[in-house]
């Protein structure tokens, strides 16, 4: 098995582990080395089967990365909604008319 192929395969497995464990900060550190190994791959003499395996690993990791990005975006959205909910409350009068009340200070909640 050519060296660049073996190194890239090991690196893709590290990337997969980082994605599955939620250690997204590790992904950036692997990117430069992954790009270097990808540049070496065409001249490495790796077989078509080996390249196909790598392609599968890359596709799997890309799907994991996209899921992680969706999760981060959903968490950011939830945090924004929570922040807004703590800063502003909707109050309805007897006729059903809504009024928006802002909190006196962020982080302080009161029971009515």
C-alpha atoms as a PDB file:
ATOM      1  CA  UNK A   1       0.000   0.000   0.000  1.00  0.00           C
ATOM      2  CA  UNK A   2       1.566   3.313  -1.039  1.00  0.00           C
ATOM      3  CA  UNK A   3       2.647   5.549   1.809  1.00  0.00           C
ATOM      4  CA  UNK A   4       0.525   8.628   0.921  1.00  0.00           C
ATOM      5  CA  UNK A   5      -2.540   6.399   0.676  1.00  0.00           C
ATOM      6  CA  UNK A   6      -1.908   4.796   4.074  1.00  0.00           C
ATOM      7  CA  UNK A   7      -1.233   8.151   5.731  1.00  0.00           C
ATOM      8  CA  UNK A   8      -4.358   9.676   4.215  1.00  0.00           C
ATOM      9  CA  UNK A   9      -6.437   6.699   5.294  1.00  0.00           C
ATOM     10  CA  UNK A  10      -5.186   7.068   8.887  1.00  0.00           C
ATOM     11  CA  UNK A  11      -5.781  10.823   8.813  1.00  0.00           C
ATOM     12  CA  UNK A  12      -9.341  10.349   7.519  1.00  0.00           C
ATOM     13  CA  UNK A  13      -9.998   7.955  10.388  1.00  0.00           C
ATOM     14  CA  UNK A  14      -8.740  10.570  12.880  1.00  0.00           C
ATOM     15  CA  UNK A  15     -11.025  13.116  11.226  1.00  0.00           C
ATOM     16  CA  UNK A  16     -13.959  10.703  11.521  1.00  0.00           C
ATOM     17  CA  UNK A  17     -13.254  10.129  15.212  1.00  0.00           C
ATOM     18  CA  UNK A  18     -13.077  13.883  15.831  1.00  0.00           C
ATOM     19  CA  UNK A  19     -16.392  14.421  14.048  1.00  0.00           C
ATOM     20  CA  UNK A  20     -18.120  11.623  15.949  1.00  0.00           C
ATOM     21  CA  UNK A  21     -16.807  12.814  19.298  1.00  0.00           C
ATOM     22  CA  UNK A  22     -17.776  16.437  18.618  1.00  0.00           C
ATOM     23  CA  UNK A  23     -14.181  17.661  18.791  1.00  0.00           C
ATOM     24  CA  UNK A  24     -14.611  19.987  15.845  1.00  0.00           C
ATOM     25  CA  UNK A  25     -11.555  22.043  16.780  1.00  0.00           C
ATOM     26  CA  UNK A  26      -9.384  19.066  15.760  1.00  0.00           C
ATOM     27  CA  UNK A  27     -10.708  19.177  12.200  1.00  0.00           C
ATOM     28  CA  UNK A  28      -8.904  22.398  11.306  1.00  0.00           C
ATOM     29  CA  UNK A  29      -5.583  21.014  12.491  1.00  0.00           C
ATOM     30  CA  UNK A  30      -5.959  18.029  10.145  1.00  0.00           C
ATOM     31  CA  UNK A  31      -6.879  20.041   7.057  1.00  0.00           C
ATOM     32  CA  UNK A  32      -3.396  21.165   6.001  1.00  0.00           C
ATOM     33  CA  UNK A  33      -1.967  17.649   6.244  1.00  0.00           C
ATOM     34  CA  UNK A  34      -4.965  16.198   4.411  1.00  0.00           C
ATOM     35  CA  UNK A  35      -4.491  18.673   1.551  1.00  0.00           C
ATOM     36  CA  UNK A  36      -0.785  17.813   1.354  1.00  0.00           C
ATOM     37  CA  UNK A  37      -1.512  14.094   1.178  1.00  0.00           C
ATOM     38  CA  UNK A  38      -4.223  14.612  -1.432  1.00  0.00           C
ATOM     39  CA  UNK A  39      -1.705  16.456  -3.624  1.00  0.00           C
ATOM     40  CA  UNK A  40       0.726  13.496  -3.332  1.00  0.00           C
ATOM     41  CA  UNK A  41      -1.907  10.881  -4.075  1.00  0.00           C
ATOM     42  CA  UNK A  42      -1.881  10.999  -7.915  1.00  0.00           C
ATOM     43  CA  UNK A  43       1.836  10.159  -8.023  1.00  0.00           C
ATOM     44  CA  UNK A  44       1.660   7.588  -5.217  1.00  0.00           C
ATOM     45  CA  UNK A  45       0.816   4.629  -7.430  1.00  0.00           C
ATOM     46  CA  UNK A  46      -2.244   3.727  -5.348  1.00  0.00           C
ATOM     47  CA  UNK A  47      -4.546   1.188  -6.976  1.00  0.00           C
ATOM     48  CA  UNK A  48      -8.018   2.025  -8.254  1.00  0.00           C
ATOM     49  CA  UNK A  49      -9.504  -0.002  -5.387  1.00  0.00           C
ATOM     50  CA  UNK A  50      -7.454   1.941  -2.834  1.00  0.00           C
ATOM     51  CA  UNK A  51      -8.553   5.239  -4.369  1.00  0.00           C
ATOM     52  CA  UNK A  52     -12.160   4.066  -4.309  1.00  0.00           C
ATOM     53  CA  UNK A  53     -11.833   3.242  -0.603  1.00  0.00           C
ATOM     54  CA  UNK A  54     -10.417   6.710   0.058  1.00  0.00           C
ATOM     55  CA  UNK A  55     -13.232   8.287  -1.907  1.00  0.00           C
ATOM     56  CA  UNK A  56     -15.727   6.447   0.297  1.00  0.00           C
ATOM     57  CA  UNK A  57     -13.974   7.626   3.460  1.00  0.00           C
ATOM     58  CA  UNK A  58     -13.943  11.209   2.219  1.00  0.00           C
ATOM     59  CA  UNK A  59     -17.643  11.080   1.322  1.00  0.00           C
ATOM     60  CA  UNK A  60     -18.468   9.610   4.748  1.00  0.00           C
ATOM     61  CA  UNK A  61     -16.516  12.333   6.544  1.00  0.00           C
ATOM     62  CA  UNK A  62     -18.088  15.036   4.408  1.00  0.00           C
ATOM     63  CA  UNK A  63     -21.560  13.768   5.365  1.00  0.00           C
ATOM     64  CA  UNK A  64     -20.527  13.789   9.042  1.00  0.00           C
ATOM     65  CA  UNK A  65     -19.145  17.314   8.699  1.00  0.00           C
ATOM     66  CA  UNK A  66     -22.347  18.556   7.086  1.00  0.00           C
ATOM     67  CA  UNK A  67     -24.362  17.023   9.930  1.00  0.00           C
ATOM     68  CA  UNK A  68     -22.077  18.681  12.472  1.00  0.00           C
ATOM     69  CA  UNK A  69     -22.540  22.048  10.732  1.00  0.00           C
ATOM     70  CA  UNK A  70     -26.316  21.612  10.814  1.00  0.00           C
ATOM     71  CA  UNK A  71     -26.105  20.784  14.518  1.00  0.00           C
ATOM     72  CA  UNK A  72     -24.026  23.867  15.272  1.00  0.00           C
ATOM     73  CA  UNK A  73     -26.433  26.055  13.290  1.00  0.00           C
ATOM     74  CA  UNK A  74     -29.407  24.559  15.151  1.00  0.00           C
ATOM     75  CA  UNK A  75     -27.707  25.180  18.500  1.00  0.00           C
ATOM     76  CA  UNK A  76     -26.982  28.799  17.544  1.00  0.00           C
ATOM     77  CA  UNK A  77     -30.610  29.261  16.526  1.00  0.00           C
ATOM     78  CA  UNK A  78     -31.824  27.773  19.801  1.00  0.00           C
ATOM     79  CA  UNK A  79     -29.505  30.057  21.773  1.00  0.00           C
ATOM     80  CA  UNK A  80     -30.780  33.119  19.901  1.00  0.00           C
ATOM     81  CA  UNK A  81     -34.397  32.139  20.550  1.00  0.00           C
ATOM     82  CA  UNK A  82     -33.644  31.540  24.223  1.00  0.00           C
ATOM     83  CA  UNK A  83     -31.905  34.909  24.511  1.00  0.00           C
ATOM     84  CA  UNK A  84     -34.828  36.639  22.836  1.00  0.00           C
ATOM     85  CA  UNK A  85     -37.312  34.847  25.085  1.00  0.00           C
ATOM     86  CA  UNK A  86     -35.491  36.025  28.202  1.00  0.00           C
ATOM     87  CA  UNK A  87     -35.333  39.609  26.935  1.00  0.00           C
ATOM     88  CA  UNK A  88     -38.889  40.004  25.717  1.00  0.00           C
ATOM     89  CA  UNK A  89     -42.227  38.619  26.875  1.00  0.00           C
ATOM     90  CA  UNK A  90     -45.598  38.714  25.164  1.00  0.00           C
ATOM     91  CA  UNK A  91     -48.453  39.760  27.448  1.00  0.00           C
ATOM     92  CA  UNK A  92     -52.105  39.517  26.449  1.00  0.00           C
ATOM     93  CA  UNK A  93     -54.910  41.634  27.887  1.00  0.00           C
ATOM     94  CA  UNK A  94     -58.516  40.509  28.348  1.00  0.00           C
ATOM     95  CA  UNK A  95     -59.415  41.348  24.763  1.00  0.00           C
ATOM     96  CA  UNK A  96     -56.530  39.270  23.414  1.00  0.00           C
ATOM     97  CA  UNK A  97     -54.381  42.198  22.356  1.00  0.00           C
ATOM     98  CA  UNK A  98     -50.702  41.410  22.647  1.00  0.00           C
ATOM     99  CA  UNK A  99     -48.147  43.734  24.187  1.00  0.00           C
ATOM    100  CA  UNK A 100     -44.430  43.059  24.255  1.00  0.00           C
ATOM    101  CA  UNK A 101     -42.570  43.740  27.469  1.00  0.00           C
ATOM    102  CA  UNK A 102     -38.802  43.871  27.656  1.00  0.00           C
ATOM    103  CA  UNK A 103     -36.994  42.561  30.713  1.00  0.00           C
ATOM    104  CA  UNK A 104     -35.471  45.128  33.061  1.00  0.00           C
ATOM    105  CA  UNK A 105     -32.078  43.457  32.819  1.00  0.00           C
ATOM    106  CA  UNK A 106     -30.837  40.413  30.933  1.00  0.00           C
ATOM    107  CA  UNK A 107     -30.525  37.356  33.091  1.00  0.00           C
ATOM    108  CA  UNK A 108     -33.222  38.442  35.519  1.00  0.00           C
ATOM    109  CA  UNK A 109     -36.571  36.682  35.399  1.00  0.00           C
ATOM    110  CA  UNK A 110     -39.658  37.463  37.388  1.00  0.00           C
ATOM    111  CA  UNK A 111     -42.848  35.575  38.064  1.00  0.00           C
ATOM    112  CA  UNK A 112     -46.040  37.487  37.511  1.00  0.00           C
END
